[in-house]
Amino acid sequence: MTQGPNPETVGALAAEHLGPILYALEACALQMEEGGRQEEAAYFRALARRLAEAGGQPREGNEA
């Protein structure tokens, strides 16, 4: 019986390493673009944008 990922653990790990993750996604997008794979590059950039936006949002009930 396999379980899915624990969202709290995945979220905490992603938040802790958000900068390097965003950098890696952009590096992937640049490589895809150089190879003429525009759709894949757009996918990685959209994913990075969503992660960056989510990283800047306070958790519910945790407003500063």
PDB file of N, CA and C in Angstrom:
ATOM      1  N   MET A   1       0.845  -1.173   0.000  1.00  0.00           N
ATOM      2  CA  MET A   1       0.000   0.000   0.000  1.00  0.00           C
ATOM      3  C   MET A   1       0.894   1.241   0.000  1.00  0.00           C
ATOM      4  N   THR A   2       0.870   2.009  -1.064  1.00  0.00           N
ATOM      5  CA  THR A   2       1.685   3.221  -1.145  1.00  0.00           C
ATOM      6  C   THR A   2       0.855   4.441  -0.817  1.00  0.00           C
ATOM      7  N   GLN A   3       1.503   5.339  -0.116  1.00  0.00           N
ATOM      8  CA  GLN A   3       0.844   6.593   0.224  1.00  0.00           C
ATOM      9  C   GLN A   3       1.437   7.693  -0.633  1.00  0.00           C
ATOM     10  N   GLY A   4       0.651   8.733  -0.833  1.00  0.00           N
ATOM     11  CA  GLY A   4       1.156   9.889  -1.553  1.00  0.00           C
ATOM     12  C   GLY A   4       2.098  10.687  -0.670  1.00  0.00           C
ATOM     13  N   PRO A   5       2.706  11.719  -1.238  1.00  0.00           N
ATOM     14  CA  PRO A   5       3.628  12.529  -0.437  1.00  0.00           C
ATOM     15  C   PRO A   5       2.893  13.290   0.657  1.00  0.00           C
ATOM     16  N   ASN A   6       3.571  13.535   1.745  1.00  0.00           N
ATOM     17  CA  ASN A   6       3.025  14.321   2.843  1.00  0.00           C
ATOM     18  C   ASN A   6       3.130  15.794   2.453  1.00  0.00           C
ATOM     19  N   PRO A   7       2.008  16.468   2.176  1.00  0.00           N
ATOM     20  CA  PRO A   7       2.058  17.855   1.696  1.00  0.00           C
ATOM     21  C   PRO A   7       2.804  18.801   2.630  1.00  0.00           C
ATOM     22  N   GLU A   8       2.682  18.596   3.929  1.00  0.00           N
ATOM     23  CA  GLU A   8       3.369  19.486   4.861  1.00  0.00           C
ATOM     24  C   GLU A   8       4.877  19.305   4.767  1.00  0.00           C
ATOM     25  N   THR A   9       5.332  18.075   4.638  1.00  0.00           N
ATOM     26  CA  THR A   9       6.758  17.810   4.540  1.00  0.00           C
ATOM     27  C   THR A   9       7.303  18.297   3.207  1.00  0.00           C
ATOM     28  N   VAL A  10       6.605  18.014   2.123  1.00  0.00           N
ATOM     29  CA  VAL A  10       7.030  18.460   0.802  1.00  0.00           C
ATOM     30  C   VAL A  10       7.060  19.984   0.750  1.00  0.00           C
ATOM     31  N   GLY A  11       6.032  20.616   1.285  1.00  0.00           N
ATOM     32  CA  GLY A  11       5.976  22.071   1.299  1.00  0.00           C
ATOM     33  C   GLY A  11       7.093  22.690   2.108  1.00  0.00           C
ATOM     34  N   ALA A  12       7.396  22.121   3.249  1.00  0.00           N
ATOM     35  CA  ALA A  12       8.469  22.648   4.090  1.00  0.00           C
ATOM     36  C   ALA A  12       9.814  22.501   3.391  1.00  0.00           C
ATOM     37  N   LEU A  13      10.042  21.365   2.770  1.00  0.00           N
ATOM     38  CA  LEU A  13      11.296  21.135   2.062  1.00  0.00           C
ATOM     39  C   LEU A  13      11.425  22.087   0.871  1.00  0.00           C
ATOM     40  N   ALA A  14      10.353  22.250   0.116  1.00  0.00           N
ATOM     41  CA  ALA A  14      10.378  23.162  -1.036  1.00  0.00           C
ATOM     42  C   ALA A  14      10.599  24.599  -0.579  1.00  0.00           C
ATOM     43  N   ALA A  15       9.958  25.005   0.504  1.00  0.00           N
ATOM     44  CA  ALA A  15      10.114  26.372   1.006  1.00  0.00           C
ATOM     45  C   ALA A  15      11.544  26.617   1.471  1.00  0.00           C
ATOM     46  N   GLU A  16      12.127  25.629   2.113  1.00  0.00           N
ATOM     47  CA  GLU A  16      13.482  25.756   2.633  1.00  0.00           C
ATOM     48  C   GLU A  16      14.507  25.909   1.508  1.00  0.00           C
ATOM     49  N   HIS A  17      14.233  25.301   0.364  1.00  0.00           N
ATOM     50  CA  HIS A  17      15.186  25.295  -0.750  1.00  0.00           C
ATOM     51  C   HIS A  17      14.615  25.964  -1.992  1.00  0.00           C
ATOM     52  N   LEU A  18      13.725  26.924  -1.811  1.00  0.00           N
ATOM     53  CA  LEU A  18      13.024  27.521  -2.940  1.00  0.00           C
ATOM     54  C   LEU A  18      13.973  28.187  -3.931  1.00  0.00           C
ATOM     55  N   GLY A  19      14.943  28.935  -3.459  1.00  0.00           N
ATOM     56  CA  GLY A  19      15.876  29.619  -4.359  1.00  0.00           C
ATOM     57  C   GLY A  19      16.584  28.667  -5.308  1.00  0.00           C
ATOM     58  N   PRO A  20      17.246  27.634  -4.787  1.00  0.00           N
ATOM     59  CA  PRO A  20      17.917  26.685  -5.684  1.00  0.00           C
ATOM     60  C   PRO A  20      16.949  25.931  -6.606  1.00  0.00           C
ATOM     61  N   ILE A  21      15.750  25.654  -6.135  1.00  0.00           N
ATOM     62  CA  ILE A  21      14.759  24.975  -6.975  1.00  0.00           C
ATOM     63  C   ILE A  21      14.382  25.874  -8.150  1.00  0.00           C
ATOM     64  N   LEU A  22      14.126  27.156  -7.877  1.00  0.00           N
ATOM     65  CA  LEU A  22      13.763  28.096  -8.949  1.00  0.00           C
ATOM     66  C   LEU A  22      14.916  28.262  -9.931  1.00  0.00           C
ATOM     67  N   TYR A  23      16.129  28.315  -9.421  1.00  0.00           N
ATOM     68  CA  TYR A  23      17.310  28.424 -10.286  1.00  0.00           C
ATOM     69  C   TYR A  23      17.407  27.199 -11.209  1.00  0.00           C
ATOM     70  N   ALA A  24      17.231  26.015 -10.645  1.00  0.00           N
ATOM     71  CA  ALA A  24      17.318  24.781 -11.426  1.00  0.00           C
ATOM     72  C   ALA A  24      16.227  24.717 -12.491  1.00  0.00           C
ATOM     73  N   LEU A  25      15.028  25.158 -12.140  1.00  0.00           N
ATOM     74  CA  LEU A  25      13.940  25.159 -13.126  1.00  0.00           C
ATOM     75  C   LEU A  25      14.242  26.115 -14.281  1.00  0.00           C
ATOM     76  N   GLU A  26      14.820  27.280 -13.974  1.00  0.00           N
ATOM     77  CA  GLU A  26      15.182  28.219 -15.035  1.00  0.00           C
ATOM     78  C   GLU A  26      16.314  27.654 -15.887  1.00  0.00           C
ATOM     79  N   ALA A  27      17.278  26.975 -15.259  1.00  0.00           N
ATOM     80  CA  ALA A  27      18.356  26.344 -16.024  1.00  0.00           C
ATOM     81  C   ALA A  27      17.790  25.296 -16.981  1.00  0.00           C
ATOM     82  N   CYS A  28      16.820  24.528 -16.513  1.00  0.00           N
ATOM     83  CA  CYS A  28      16.150  23.544 -17.378  1.00  0.00           C
ATOM     84  C   CYS A  28      15.441  24.242 -18.528  1.00  0.00           C
ATOM     85  N   ALA A  29      14.732  25.323 -18.222  1.00  0.00           N
ATOM     86  CA  ALA A  29      13.996  26.058 -19.250  1.00  0.00           C
ATOM     87  C   ALA A  29      14.951  26.615 -20.308  1.00  0.00           C
ATOM     88  N   LEU A  30      16.080  27.167 -19.877  1.00  0.00           N
ATOM     89  CA  LEU A  30      17.058  27.695 -20.837  1.00  0.00           C
ATOM     90  C   LEU A  30      17.597  26.590 -21.741  1.00  0.00           C
ATOM     91  N   GLN A  31      17.891  25.450 -21.156  1.00  0.00           N
ATOM     92  CA  GLN A  31      18.399  24.316 -21.934  1.00  0.00           C
ATOM     93  C   GLN A  31      17.349  23.850 -22.946  1.00  0.00           C
ATOM     94  N   MET A  32      16.109  23.782 -22.518  1.00  0.00           N
ATOM     95  CA  MET A  32      15.027  23.373 -23.420  1.00  0.00           C
ATOM     96  C   MET A  32      14.891  24.375 -24.567  1.00  0.00           C
ATOM     97  N   GLU A  33      14.944  25.651 -24.228  1.00  0.00           N
ATOM     98  CA  GLU A  33      14.818  26.701 -25.231  1.00  0.00           C
ATOM     99  C   GLU A  33      15.934  26.595 -26.267  1.00  0.00           C
ATOM    100  N   GLU A  34      17.162  26.388 -25.814  1.00  0.00           N
ATOM    101  CA  GLU A  34      18.302  26.251 -26.720  1.00  0.00           C
ATOM    102  C   GLU A  34      18.138  25.054 -27.645  1.00  0.00           C
ATOM    103  N   GLY A  35      17.441  24.044 -27.169  1.00  0.00           N
ATOM    104  CA  GLY A  35      17.198  22.852 -27.974  1.00  0.00           C
ATOM    105  C   GLY A  35      15.948  22.950 -28.834  1.00  0.00           C
ATOM    106  N   GLY A  36      15.329  24.131 -28.856  1.00  0.00           N
ATOM    107  CA  GLY A  36      14.139  24.311 -29.690  1.00  0.00           C
ATOM    108  C   GLY A  36      12.880  23.706 -29.102  1.00  0.00           C
ATOM    109  N   ARG A  37      12.885  23.442 -27.814  1.00  0.00           N
ATOM    110  CA  ARG A  37      11.729  22.813 -27.159  1.00  0.00           C
ATOM    111  C   ARG A  37      10.979  23.873 -26.349  1.00  0.00           C
ATOM    112  N   GLN A  38      10.293  24.762 -27.063  1.00  0.00           N
ATOM    113  CA  GLN A  38       9.636  25.917 -26.458  1.00  0.00           C
ATOM    114  C   GLN A  38       8.534  25.529 -25.470  1.00  0.00           C
ATOM    115  N   GLU A  39       7.751  24.513 -25.807  1.00  0.00           N
ATOM    116  CA  GLU A  39       6.647  24.106 -24.920  1.00  0.00           C
ATOM    117  C   GLU A  39       7.176  23.611 -23.580  1.00  0.00           C
ATOM    118  N   GLU A  40       8.245  22.821 -23.612  1.00  0.00           N
ATOM    119  CA  GLU A  40       8.827  22.324 -22.378  1.00  0.00           C
ATOM    120  C   GLU A  40       9.407  23.469 -21.555  1.00  0.00           C
ATOM    121  N   ALA A  41      10.065  24.420 -22.218  1.00  0.00           N
ATOM    122  CA  ALA A  41      10.625  25.583 -21.521  1.00  0.00           C
ATOM    123  C   ALA A  41       9.507  26.367 -20.842  1.00  0.00           C
ATOM    124  N   ALA A  42       8.407  26.554 -21.540  1.00  0.00           N
ATOM    125  CA  ALA A  42       7.267  27.284 -20.973  1.00  0.00           C
ATOM    126  C   ALA A  42       6.701  26.544 -19.760  1.00  0.00           C
ATOM    127  N   TYR A  43       6.677  25.212 -19.826  1.00  0.00           N
ATOM    128  CA  TYR A  43       6.180  24.416 -18.699  1.00  0.00           C
ATOM    129  C   TYR A  43       7.036  24.653 -17.456  1.00  0.00           C
ATOM    130  N   PHE A  44       8.368  24.563 -17.600  1.00  0.00           N
ATOM    131  CA  PHE A  44       9.255  24.739 -16.454  1.00  0.00           C
ATOM    132  C   PHE A  44       9.168  26.155 -15.895  1.00  0.00           C
ATOM    133  N   ARG A  45       9.022  27.144 -16.773  1.00  0.00           N
ATOM    134  CA  ARG A  45       8.897  28.528 -16.292  1.00  0.00           C
ATOM    135  C   ARG A  45       7.566  28.745 -15.572  1.00  0.00           C
ATOM    136  N   ALA A  46       6.501  28.151 -16.079  1.00  0.00           N
ATOM    137  CA  ALA A  46       5.199  28.271 -15.413  1.00  0.00           C
ATOM    138  C   ALA A  46       5.245  27.594 -14.047  1.00  0.00           C
ATOM    139  N   LEU A  47       5.896  26.446 -13.963  1.00  0.00           N
ATOM    140  CA  LEU A  47       6.044  25.752 -12.687  1.00  0.00           C
ATOM    141  C   LEU A  47       6.834  26.609 -11.704  1.00  0.00           C
ATOM    142  N   ALA A  48       7.933  27.193 -12.159  1.00  0.00           N
ATOM    143  CA  ALA A  48       8.742  28.060 -11.301  1.00  0.00           C
ATOM    144  C   ALA A  48       7.934  29.264 -10.832  1.00  0.00           C
ATOM    145  N   ARG A  49       7.149  29.843 -11.723  1.00  0.00           N
ATOM    146  CA  ARG A  49       6.320  31.000 -11.364  1.00  0.00           C
ATOM    147  C   ARG A  49       5.308  30.630 -10.283  1.00  0.00           C
ATOM    148  N   ARG A  50       4.679  29.475 -10.432  1.00  0.00           N
ATOM    149  CA  ARG A  50       3.700  29.032  -9.427  1.00  0.00           C
ATOM    150  C   ARG A  50       4.363  28.785  -8.079  1.00  0.00           C
ATOM    151  N   LEU A  51       5.533  28.173  -8.086  1.00  0.00           N
ATOM    152  CA  LEU A  51       6.261  27.936  -6.832  1.00  0.00           C
ATOM    153  C   LEU A  51       6.673  29.250  -6.183  1.00  0.00           C
ATOM    154  N   ALA A  52       7.151  30.188  -6.991  1.00  0.00           N
ATOM    155  CA  ALA A  52       7.566  31.486  -6.454  1.00  0.00           C
ATOM    156  C   ALA A  52       6.377  32.217  -5.845  1.00  0.00           C
ATOM    157  N   GLU A  53       5.237  32.190  -6.532  1.00  0.00           N
ATOM    158  CA  GLU A  53       4.037  32.841  -6.006  1.00  0.00           C
ATOM    159  C   GLU A  53       3.577  32.175  -4.716  1.00  0.00           C
ATOM    160  N   ALA A  54       3.602  30.856  -4.677  1.00  0.00           N
ATOM    161  CA  ALA A  54       3.183  30.129  -3.479  1.00  0.00           C
ATOM    162  C   ALA A  54       4.142  30.380  -2.323  1.00  0.00           C
ATOM    163  N   GLY A  55       5.415  30.546  -2.623  1.00  0.00           N
ATOM    164  CA  GLY A  55       6.413  30.787  -1.595  1.00  0.00           C
ATOM    165  C   GLY A  55       6.256  32.139  -0.932  1.00  0.00           C
ATOM    166  N   GLY A  56       5.600  33.069  -1.600  1.00  0.00           N
ATOM    167  CA  GLY A  56       5.419  34.397  -1.049  1.00  0.00           C
ATOM    168  C   GLY A  56       4.110  34.590  -0.313  1.00  0.00           C
ATOM    169  N   GLN A  57       3.338  33.538  -0.184  1.00  0.00           N
ATOM    170  CA  GLN A  57       2.031  33.625   0.449  1.00  0.00           C
ATOM    171  C   GLN A  57       2.095  33.105   1.882  1.00  0.00           C
ATOM    172  N   PRO A  58       1.548  33.834   2.840  1.00  0.00           N
ATOM    173  CA  PRO A  58       1.502  33.305   4.217  1.00  0.00           C
ATOM    174  C   PRO A  58       0.523  32.144   4.306  1.00  0.00           C
ATOM    175  N   ARG A  59       0.796  31.235   5.224  1.00  0.00           N
ATOM    176  CA  ARG A  59      -0.126  30.126   5.450  1.00  0.00           C
ATOM    177  C   ARG A  59      -1.400  30.650   6.081  1.00  0.00           C
ATOM    178  N   GLU A  60      -2.487  29.919   5.869  1.00  0.00           N
ATOM    179  CA  GLU A  60      -3.770  30.291   6.494  1.00  0.00           C
ATOM    180  C   GLU A  60      -3.606  30.317   7.993  1.00  0.00           C
ATOM    181  N   GLY A  61      -4.118  31.375   8.609  1.00  0.00           N
ATOM    182  CA  GLY A  61      -4.072  31.483  10.071  1.00  0.00           C
ATOM    183  C   GLY A  61      -2.694  31.878  10.585  1.00  0.00           C
ATOM    184  N   ASN A  62      -1.753  32.178   9.683  1.00  0.00           N
ATOM    185  CA  ASN A  62      -0.391  32.523  10.082  1.00  0.00           C
ATOM    186  C   ASN A  62      -0.013  33.900   9.566  1.00  0.00           C
ATOM    187  N   GLU A  63      -0.980  34.796   9.424  1.00  0.00           N
ATOM    188  CA  GLU A  63      -0.676  36.116   8.904  1.00  0.00           C
ATOM    189  C   GLU A  63       0.219  36.862   9.882  1.00  0.00           C
ATOM    190  N   ALA A  64       1.168  37.591   9.337  1.00  0.00           N
ATOM    191  CA  ALA A  64       2.120  38.336  10.179  1.00  0.00           C
ATOM    192  C   ALA A  64       1.504  39.579  10.777  1.00  0.00           C
TER     193      ALA A  64
END
